[in-house]
Amino acid sequence: MERLLQVMRRLRGPDGCPWDKEQTHQSLRPYLLEEAAEAVDAIGKGNPDELAEELGDVLLQVAFHSVIAEQEGTFTYSQVEQHIVDKLIRRHPHVFGNVQADTPEAVTANWKAIKAREGKTAQSVCDQVPRSLGALARANEIQKKLGTPFSGKDSLIQAIEQGNLAEALWLMVAWCRQEKVNPEVLLRERCEQSCA
């Protein structure tokens, strides 16, 4: 990681790249989303070399933002790393402590309890789910947190007949959740079928 940070410092240095030097956290937002999406695409393709390359692009975004913050004096890469290491250790007491959690469900329940103690669940459900997620993915996560059930095909048909497409999409997400299918992944796969 240190080599990557050195390259980014050089790119943003006085004799560096004009484009890299003018970037900000705000200007890099679309690139962070795009690189994460490309990594997800690479996972779907099952090509390890492509995945390694795309994860490198995601890592570049971490380094880029860290160097910008370092130059602004707001935080460093070491702080970014320390935050995630501390969080992983704190939220895995069944590995790093003496808590018993033998199933994925027990781990998830424990994780939620720890987040609650940290005050991470005090915000509204809509604030807990990133607004920059795709709309289907965001609806899926909001519904999971709210425990929204699928109200049935009749409700879906009624929404469609009334031309309330937003409600129809919301209901489709709930139906996907009932069927234990991720709507974002399902629609992405259907898009790929159309592009094949």
C-alpha atoms as a PDB file:
ATOM      1  CA  MET A   1       0.000   0.000   0.000  1.00  0.00           C
ATOM      2  CA  GLU A   2       2.859   2.361   0.752  1.00  0.00           C
ATOM      3  CA  ARG A   3       4.050   2.205  -2.866  1.00  0.00           C
ATOM      4  CA  LEU A   4       0.574   3.148  -4.101  1.00  0.00           C
ATOM      5  CA  LEU A   5       0.437   6.054  -1.649  1.00  0.00           C
ATOM      6  CA  GLN A   6       3.861   7.247  -2.852  1.00  0.00           C
ATOM      7  CA  VAL A   7       2.660   7.186  -6.465  1.00  0.00           C
ATOM      8  CA  MET A   8      -0.461   9.160  -5.546  1.00  0.00           C
ATOM      9  CA  ARG A   9       1.594  11.721  -3.601  1.00  0.00           C
ATOM     10  CA  ARG A  10       3.797  12.165  -6.658  1.00  0.00           C
ATOM     11  CA  LEU A  11       0.782  12.504  -8.965  1.00  0.00           C
ATOM     12  CA  ARG A  12      -0.654  15.209  -6.680  1.00  0.00           C
ATOM     13  CA  GLY A  13       2.702  16.864  -6.038  1.00  0.00           C
ATOM     14  CA  PRO A  14       3.962  20.121  -7.577  1.00  0.00           C
ATOM     15  CA  ASP A  15       5.429  18.330 -10.621  1.00  0.00           C
ATOM     16  CA  GLY A  16       2.574  15.830 -10.805  1.00  0.00           C
ATOM     17  CA  CYS A  17      -0.440  15.385 -13.027  1.00  0.00           C
ATOM     18  CA  PRO A  18      -2.673  18.463 -13.553  1.00  0.00           C
ATOM     19  CA  TRP A  19      -5.832  16.312 -13.539  1.00  0.00           C
ATOM     20  CA  ASP A  20      -4.912  14.412 -10.367  1.00  0.00           C
ATOM     21  CA  LYS A  21      -3.920  17.624  -8.583  1.00  0.00           C
ATOM     22  CA  GLU A  22      -7.290  19.276  -9.120  1.00  0.00           C
ATOM     23  CA  GLN A  23      -9.393  16.351  -7.835  1.00  0.00           C
ATOM     24  CA  THR A  24     -11.345  16.568  -4.577  1.00  0.00           C
ATOM     25  CA  HIS A  25     -13.385  14.134  -2.517  1.00  0.00           C
ATOM     26  CA  GLN A  26     -16.463  15.557  -4.236  1.00  0.00           C
ATOM     27  CA  SER A  27     -15.110  15.299  -7.783  1.00  0.00           C
ATOM     28  CA  LEU A  28     -14.039  11.679  -7.257  1.00  0.00           C
ATOM     29  CA  ARG A  29     -17.466  10.446  -6.121  1.00  0.00           C
ATOM     30  CA  PRO A  30     -18.544   9.146  -9.548  1.00  0.00           C
ATOM     31  CA  TYR A  31     -15.248   7.299  -9.985  1.00  0.00           C
ATOM     32  CA  LEU A  32     -15.591   5.552  -6.633  1.00  0.00           C
ATOM     33  CA  LEU A  33     -19.067   4.348  -7.579  1.00  0.00           C
ATOM     34  CA  GLU A  34     -17.929   3.318 -11.061  1.00  0.00           C
ATOM     35  CA  GLU A  35     -14.882   1.399  -9.843  1.00  0.00           C
ATOM     36  CA  ALA A  36     -16.927  -0.443  -7.219  1.00  0.00           C
ATOM     37  CA  ALA A  37     -19.499  -1.352  -9.893  1.00  0.00           C
ATOM     38  CA  GLU A  38     -16.766  -2.600 -12.224  1.00  0.00           C
ATOM     39  CA  ALA A  39     -15.402  -4.806  -9.430  1.00  0.00           C
ATOM     40  CA  VAL A  40     -18.886  -6.245  -8.923  1.00  0.00           C
ATOM     41  CA  ASP A  41     -19.107  -6.896 -12.684  1.00  0.00           C
ATOM     42  CA  ALA A  42     -15.758  -8.696 -12.586  1.00  0.00           C
ATOM     43  CA  ILE A  43     -16.981 -10.926  -9.771  1.00  0.00           C
ATOM     44  CA  GLY A  44     -19.980 -11.840 -11.923  1.00  0.00           C
ATOM     45  CA  LYS A  45     -17.722 -12.776 -14.842  1.00  0.00           C
ATOM     46  CA  GLY A  46     -15.667 -15.130 -12.676  1.00  0.00           C
ATOM     47  CA  ASN A  47     -12.358 -13.954 -14.167  1.00  0.00           C
ATOM     48  CA  PRO A  48      -9.756 -13.768 -11.340  1.00  0.00           C
ATOM     49  CA  ASP A  49      -7.319 -11.587 -13.325  1.00  0.00           C
ATOM     50  CA  GLU A  50     -10.036  -9.081 -14.162  1.00  0.00           C
ATOM     51  CA  LEU A  51     -11.216  -9.067 -10.545  1.00  0.00           C
ATOM     52  CA  ALA A  52      -7.664  -8.409  -9.314  1.00  0.00           C
ATOM     53  CA  GLU A  53      -7.370  -5.477 -11.727  1.00  0.00           C
ATOM     54  CA  GLU A  54     -10.737  -4.007 -10.740  1.00  0.00           C
ATOM     55  CA  LEU A  55     -10.020  -4.375  -7.014  1.00  0.00           C
ATOM     56  CA  GLY A  56      -6.816  -2.459  -7.706  1.00  0.00           C
ATOM     57  CA  ASP A  57      -8.933   0.352  -9.131  1.00  0.00           C
ATOM     58  CA  VAL A  58     -11.062   0.336  -5.969  1.00  0.00           C
ATOM     59  CA  LEU A  59      -7.897   0.431  -3.880  1.00  0.00           C
ATOM     60  CA  LEU A  60      -6.708   3.381  -5.976  1.00  0.00           C
ATOM     61  CA  GLN A  61      -9.801   5.281  -4.859  1.00  0.00           C
ATOM     62  CA  VAL A  62      -8.954   4.586  -1.210  1.00  0.00           C
ATOM     63  CA  ALA A  63      -5.393   5.821  -1.777  1.00  0.00           C
ATOM     64  CA  PHE A  64      -6.561   8.864  -3.765  1.00  0.00           C
ATOM     65  CA  HIS A  65      -8.981   9.998  -1.051  1.00  0.00           C
ATOM     66  CA  SER A  66      -6.406   9.282   1.655  1.00  0.00           C
ATOM     67  CA  VAL A  67      -3.744  11.417  -0.037  1.00  0.00           C
ATOM     68  CA  ILE A  68      -6.218  14.265  -0.605  1.00  0.00           C
ATOM     69  CA  ALA A  69      -7.137  14.148   3.094  1.00  0.00           C
ATOM     70  CA  GLU A  70      -3.475  13.941   4.077  1.00  0.00           C
ATOM     71  CA  GLN A  71      -2.760  17.092   2.048  1.00  0.00           C
ATOM     72  CA  GLU A  72      -5.765  18.825   3.629  1.00  0.00           C
ATOM     73  CA  GLY A  73      -4.656  17.716   7.088  1.00  0.00           C
ATOM     74  CA  THR A  74      -7.973  15.979   7.830  1.00  0.00           C
ATOM     75  CA  PHE A  75      -6.919  12.294   8.066  1.00  0.00           C
ATOM     76  CA  THR A  76      -4.313   9.836   6.789  1.00  0.00           C
ATOM     77  CA  TYR A  77      -4.365   6.401   5.203  1.00  0.00           C
ATOM     78  CA  SER A  78      -3.117   4.996   8.518  1.00  0.00           C
ATOM     79  CA  GLN A  79      -6.261   6.326  10.173  1.00  0.00           C
ATOM     80  CA  VAL A  80      -8.456   4.777   7.464  1.00  0.00           C
ATOM     81  CA  GLU A  81      -6.761   1.431   7.991  1.00  0.00           C
ATOM     82  CA  GLN A  82      -6.908   1.707  11.780  1.00  0.00           C
ATOM     83  CA  HIS A  83     -10.642   2.458  11.695  1.00  0.00           C
ATOM     84  CA  ILE A  84     -11.439  -0.687   9.723  1.00  0.00           C
ATOM     85  CA  VAL A  85      -9.084  -2.904  11.732  1.00  0.00           C
ATOM     86  CA  ASP A  86     -10.603  -1.678  15.003  1.00  0.00           C
ATOM     87  CA  LYS A  87     -14.138  -2.163  13.647  1.00  0.00           C
ATOM     88  CA  LEU A  88     -13.438  -5.699  12.431  1.00  0.00           C
ATOM     89  CA  ILE A  89     -11.948  -6.728  15.770  1.00  0.00           C
ATOM     90  CA  ARG A  90     -14.721  -5.022  17.749  1.00  0.00           C
ATOM     91  CA  ARG A  91     -17.492  -6.588  15.649  1.00  0.00           C
ATOM     92  CA  HIS A  92     -16.000 -10.099  15.685  1.00  0.00           C
ATOM     93  CA  PRO A  93     -15.784 -10.898  19.409  1.00  0.00           C
ATOM     94  CA  HIS A  94     -16.534 -14.523  18.511  1.00  0.00           C
ATOM     95  CA  VAL A  95     -13.094 -14.585  16.846  1.00  0.00           C
ATOM     96  CA  PHE A  96     -11.076 -12.016  18.816  1.00  0.00           C
ATOM     97  CA  GLY A  97     -12.852 -12.357  22.173  1.00  0.00           C
ATOM     98  CA  ASN A  98     -14.829 -14.856  24.171  1.00  0.00           C
ATOM     99  CA  VAL A  99     -18.317 -14.485  22.651  1.00  0.00           C
ATOM    100  CA  GLN A 100     -19.966 -17.622  21.272  1.00  0.00           C
ATOM    101  CA  ALA A 101     -21.390 -17.392  17.724  1.00  0.00           C
ATOM    102  CA  ASP A 102     -21.414 -20.685  15.841  1.00  0.00           C
ATOM    103  CA  THR A 103     -23.785 -19.851  12.986  1.00  0.00           C
ATOM    104  CA  PRO A 104     -24.012 -17.033  10.443  1.00  0.00           C
ATOM    105  CA  GLU A 105     -27.339 -16.038  12.053  1.00  0.00           C
ATOM    106  CA  ALA A 106     -25.697 -15.739  15.481  1.00  0.00           C
ATOM    107  CA  VAL A 107     -22.898 -13.666  13.967  1.00  0.00           C
ATOM    108  CA  THR A 108     -25.431 -11.351  12.282  1.00  0.00           C
ATOM    109  CA  ALA A 109     -27.445 -10.929  15.497  1.00  0.00           C
ATOM    110  CA  ASN A 110     -24.279 -10.170  17.437  1.00  0.00           C
ATOM    111  CA  TRP A 111     -23.114  -7.714  14.739  1.00  0.00           C
ATOM    112  CA  LYS A 112     -26.432  -5.841  14.966  1.00  0.00           C
ATOM    113  CA  ALA A 113     -26.236  -5.704  18.766  1.00  0.00           C
ATOM    114  CA  ILE A 114     -22.704  -4.304  18.599  1.00  0.00           C
ATOM    115  CA  LYS A 115     -23.751  -1.682  16.036  1.00  0.00           C
ATOM    116  CA  ALA A 116     -26.642  -0.687  18.310  1.00  0.00           C
ATOM    117  CA  ARG A 117     -24.246  -0.263  21.254  1.00  0.00           C
ATOM    118  CA  GLU A 118     -22.036   1.880  19.027  1.00  0.00           C
ATOM    119  CA  GLY A 119     -25.012   4.101  18.266  1.00  0.00           C
ATOM    120  CA  LYS A 120     -24.899   3.159  14.578  1.00  0.00           C
ATOM    121  CA  THR A 121     -28.597   2.275  14.429  1.00  0.00           C
ATOM    122  CA  ALA A 122     -30.033   5.393  16.084  1.00  0.00           C
ATOM    123  CA  GLN A 123     -30.490   7.142  12.740  1.00  0.00           C
ATOM    124  CA  SER A 124     -33.550   6.623  10.568  1.00  0.00           C
ATOM    125  CA  VAL A 125     -33.710   3.552   8.358  1.00  0.00           C
ATOM    126  CA  CYS A 126     -33.345   5.709   5.248  1.00  0.00           C
ATOM    127  CA  ASP A 127     -30.188   7.273   6.687  1.00  0.00           C
ATOM    128  CA  GLN A 128     -28.722   3.837   7.413  1.00  0.00           C
ATOM    129  CA  VAL A 129     -28.775   2.853   3.733  1.00  0.00           C
ATOM    130  CA  PRO A 130     -26.424   4.779   1.421  1.00  0.00           C
ATOM    131  CA  ARG A 131     -28.302   7.114  -0.893  1.00  0.00           C
ATOM    132  CA  SER A 132     -25.744   6.463  -3.631  1.00  0.00           C
ATOM    133  CA  LEU A 133     -26.752   2.802  -3.952  1.00  0.00           C
ATOM    134  CA  GLY A 134     -28.710   1.922  -7.051  1.00  0.00           C
ATOM    135  CA  ALA A 135     -32.428   2.405  -6.434  1.00  0.00           C
ATOM    136  CA  LEU A 136     -33.241  -1.324  -6.503  1.00  0.00           C
ATOM    137  CA  ALA A 137     -30.407  -2.137  -4.115  1.00  0.00           C
ATOM    138  CA  ARG A 138     -31.413   0.729  -1.817  1.00  0.00           C
ATOM    139  CA  ALA A 139     -35.083  -0.316  -1.820  1.00  0.00           C
ATOM    140  CA  ASN A 140     -34.001  -3.877  -1.005  1.00  0.00           C
ATOM    141  CA  GLU A 141     -31.923  -2.738   1.978  1.00  0.00           C
ATOM    142  CA  ILE A 142     -34.584  -0.327   3.271  1.00  0.00           C
ATOM    143  CA  GLN A 143     -37.240  -3.041   3.049  1.00  0.00           C
ATOM    144  CA  LYS A 144     -34.981  -5.503   4.886  1.00  0.00           C
ATOM    145  CA  LYS A 145     -34.454  -3.015   7.705  1.00  0.00           C
ATOM    146  CA  LEU A 146     -38.174  -2.179   7.861  1.00  0.00           C
ATOM    147  CA  GLY A 147     -39.245  -5.821   7.543  1.00  0.00           C
ATOM    148  CA  THR A 148     -41.515  -4.903   4.631  1.00  0.00           C
ATOM    149  CA  PRO A 149     -43.504  -7.956   3.506  1.00  0.00           C
ATOM    150  CA  PHE A 150     -44.710  -8.599  -0.041  1.00  0.00           C
ATOM    151  CA  SER A 151     -48.398  -7.687  -0.015  1.00  0.00           C
ATOM    152  CA  GLY A 152     -49.243 -10.051  -2.844  1.00  0.00           C
ATOM    153  CA  LYS A 153     -49.570 -10.202  -6.596  1.00  0.00           C
ATOM    154  CA  ASP A 154     -52.978  -8.514  -6.500  1.00  0.00           C
ATOM    155  CA  SER A 155     -51.412  -5.376  -5.020  1.00  0.00           C
ATOM    156  CA  LEU A 156     -48.721  -5.480  -7.691  1.00  0.00           C
ATOM    157  CA  ILE A 157     -51.265  -5.848 -10.498  1.00  0.00           C
ATOM    158  CA  GLN A 158     -53.354  -3.020  -9.034  1.00  0.00           C
ATOM    159  CA  ALA A 159     -50.318  -0.717  -8.894  1.00  0.00           C
ATOM    160  CA  ILE A 160     -49.504  -1.522 -12.520  1.00  0.00           C
ATOM    161  CA  GLU A 161     -53.108  -0.994 -13.664  1.00  0.00           C
ATOM    162  CA  GLN A 162     -53.207   2.367 -11.869  1.00  0.00           C
ATOM    163  CA  GLY A 163     -49.976   3.375 -13.571  1.00  0.00           C
ATOM    164  CA  ASN A 164     -48.223   3.710 -10.228  1.00  0.00           C
ATOM    165  CA  LEU A 165     -44.943   2.305 -11.498  1.00  0.00           C
ATOM    166  CA  ALA A 166     -42.944   3.441  -8.461  1.00  0.00           C
ATOM    167  CA  GLU A 167     -45.233   1.406  -6.201  1.00  0.00           C
ATOM    168  CA  ALA A 168     -45.059  -1.519  -8.623  1.00  0.00           C
ATOM    169  CA  LEU A 169     -41.249  -1.442  -8.477  1.00  0.00           C
ATOM    170  CA  TRP A 170     -41.355  -1.230  -4.668  1.00  0.00           C
ATOM    171  CA  LEU A 171     -43.657  -4.255  -4.594  1.00  0.00           C
ATOM    172  CA  MET A 172     -41.428  -6.137  -7.042  1.00  0.00           C
ATOM    173  CA  VAL A 173     -38.495  -5.601  -4.684  1.00  0.00           C
ATOM    174  CA  ALA A 174     -40.578  -7.000  -1.817  1.00  0.00           C
ATOM    175  CA  TRP A 175     -41.534  -9.983  -3.977  1.00  0.00           C
ATOM    176  CA  CYS A 176     -37.871 -10.618  -4.798  1.00  0.00           C
ATOM    177  CA  ARG A 177     -37.034 -10.492  -1.096  1.00  0.00           C
ATOM    178  CA  GLN A 178     -39.816 -12.992  -0.364  1.00  0.00           C
ATOM    179  CA  GLU A 179     -38.313 -15.302  -2.991  1.00  0.00           C
ATOM    180  CA  LYS A 180     -34.834 -14.721  -1.496  1.00  0.00           C
ATOM    181  CA  VAL A 181     -33.572 -13.151  -4.728  1.00  0.00           C
ATOM    182  CA  ASN A 182     -31.580  -9.917  -4.796  1.00  0.00           C
ATOM    183  CA  PRO A 183     -33.473  -7.619  -7.207  1.00  0.00           C
ATOM    184  CA  GLU A 184     -30.361  -5.636  -8.147  1.00  0.00           C
ATOM    185  CA  VAL A 185     -28.446  -8.779  -9.105  1.00  0.00           C
ATOM    186  CA  LEU A 186     -31.499 -10.248 -10.856  1.00  0.00           C
ATOM    187  CA  LEU A 187     -31.998  -7.170 -13.045  1.00  0.00           C
ATOM    188  CA  ARG A 188     -28.269  -6.904 -13.762  1.00  0.00           C
ATOM    189  CA  GLU A 189     -28.283 -10.523 -14.961  1.00  0.00           C
ATOM    190  CA  ARG A 190     -31.292  -9.787 -17.167  1.00  0.00           C
ATOM    191  CA  CYS A 191     -29.486  -6.768 -18.632  1.00  0.00           C
ATOM    192  CA  GLU A 192     -26.529  -8.990 -19.454  1.00  0.00           C
ATOM    193  CA  GLN A 193     -28.843 -11.417 -21.253  1.00  0.00           C
ATOM    194  CA  SER A 194     -30.076  -8.539 -23.409  1.00  0.00           C
ATOM    195  CA  CYS A 195     -26.527  -7.446 -24.190  1.00  0.00           C
ATOM    196  CA  ALA A 196     -25.272 -10.939 -25.092  1.00  0.00           C
END
